[in-house]
Amino acid sequence: MIPNPIAQNAMLESHVQRLLQELDAMPQAVRASAALAITASLLEYAAYEMAQSDEARQVARLILLAADMERTAQDLSSTPNTSEPH
C-alpha cells in the first residue's frame, strides 16, 4: 500500500479536514462546484510539480483533467438547481 502523504502530515490533514468542513457549511447548490474548483486547482498544482521530473504525457493528462473540472465547476455554478425550493 502506498503511504498517504496527507495522513503523514498532521498540518495538511488538519487543513484538508477544515476545508471539507467549510465545503459542508456551504449551501448544497454550490458545494459540488466549489469542490470541483478546488480539486482542479490542486490537480493543476500537482501537474506543474510533476512537470519538473515526470513524463510529459502524464502532466498533460492532469492539466486536461484540471481544465475539465474547472469547466464542470463553471457549468454547475451557472446551472439553476431545480431540486431546491424557490
Protein backbone atom coordinates (compact mmCIF):
# COMPACT_ATOMS: atom_id res chain seq x y z
CA MET A 1 0.00 0.00 0.00
CA ILE A 2 1.28 3.47 -0.94
CA PRO A 3 1.67 5.81 2.05
CA ASN A 4 -0.75 8.73 2.10
CA PRO A 5 1.31 11.96 2.28
CA ILE A 6 -1.62 13.86 3.81
CA ALA A 7 -2.08 11.34 6.61
CA GLN A 8 1.66 11.52 7.32
CA ASN A 9 1.50 15.31 7.76
CA ALA A 10 -0.76 16.38 10.62
CA MET A 11 -0.88 20.01 9.46
CA LEU A 12 -2.01 19.05 5.94
CA GLU A 13 -4.56 16.63 7.38
CA SER A 14 -5.90 19.43 9.57
CA HIS A 15 -6.20 21.77 6.58
CA VAL A 16 -7.96 19.14 4.50
CA GLN A 17 -10.45 18.43 7.29
CA ARG A 18 -11.09 22.16 7.78
CA LEU A 19 -11.59 22.59 4.03
CA LEU A 20 -14.10 19.72 3.98
CA GLN A 21 -15.95 21.29 6.91
CA GLU A 22 -16.07 24.61 5.06
CA LEU A 23 -17.46 22.84 1.99
CA ASP A 24 -20.09 21.12 4.16
CA ALA A 25 -21.12 24.50 5.55
CA MET A 26 -21.77 25.92 2.07
CA PRO A 27 -25.23 25.82 0.52
CA GLN A 28 -25.80 22.46 -1.14
CA ALA A 29 -26.37 24.13 -4.50
CA VAL A 30 -22.73 25.29 -4.67
CA ARG A 31 -20.84 22.52 -2.85
CA ALA A 32 -20.08 20.37 -5.89
CA SER A 33 -18.96 23.34 -7.95
CA ALA A 34 -16.71 24.60 -5.17
CA ALA A 35 -15.23 21.15 -4.55
CA LEU A 36 -14.50 20.71 -8.26
CA ALA A 37 -12.88 24.15 -8.49
CA ILE A 38 -10.65 23.40 -5.50
CA THR A 39 -9.79 19.96 -6.86
CA ALA A 40 -8.92 21.45 -10.26
CA SER A 41 -6.56 23.92 -8.61
CA LEU A 42 -4.83 21.18 -6.65
CA LEU A 43 -4.63 18.92 -9.69
CA GLU A 44 -3.05 21.72 -11.72
CA TYR A 45 -0.58 22.35 -8.90
CA ALA A 46 0.35 18.66 -8.89
CA ALA A 47 0.80 18.69 -12.67
CA TYR A 48 3.22 21.61 -12.53
CA GLU A 49 5.16 19.92 -9.73
CA MET A 50 5.31 16.70 -11.76
CA ALA A 51 6.44 18.60 -14.85
CA GLN A 52 9.85 19.00 -13.28
CA SER A 53 10.56 15.28 -13.23
CA ASP A 54 7.81 13.15 -14.78
CA GLU A 55 6.71 12.14 -18.23
CA ALA A 56 5.07 14.92 -20.24
CA ARG A 57 2.13 12.69 -21.18
CA GLN A 58 1.11 12.29 -17.52
CA VAL A 59 1.46 16.01 -16.88
CA ALA A 60 -0.60 16.90 -19.93
CA ARG A 61 -3.32 14.46 -18.84
CA LEU A 62 -3.51 16.07 -15.40
CA ILE A 63 -3.71 19.56 -16.89
CA LEU A 64 -6.53 18.44 -19.20
CA LEU A 65 -8.36 16.84 -16.26
CA ALA A 66 -7.99 20.05 -14.25
CA ALA A 67 -9.36 22.11 -17.15
CA ASP A 68 -12.30 19.72 -17.49
CA MET A 69 -13.03 20.02 -13.77
CA GLU A 70 -12.90 23.81 -13.99
CA ARG A 71 -15.39 23.77 -16.88
CA THR A 72 -17.67 21.40 -15.00
CA ALA A 73 -17.49 23.61 -11.90
CA GLN A 74 -18.41 26.65 -14.01
CA ASP A 75 -21.26 24.74 -15.66
CA LEU A 76 -22.60 23.65 -12.28
CA SER A 77 -22.41 27.15 -10.84
CA SER A 78 -24.27 28.63 -13.80
CA THR A 79 -26.98 25.95 -13.94
CA PRO A 80 -30.02 26.67 -11.79
CA ASN A 81 -30.58 24.00 -9.16
CA THR A 82 -34.11 22.66 -9.61
CA SER A 83 -34.01 20.43 -6.53
CA GLU A 84 -34.11 23.32 -4.06
CA PRO A 85 -37.36 25.14 -3.25
CA HIS A 86 -37.72 28.69 -4.55
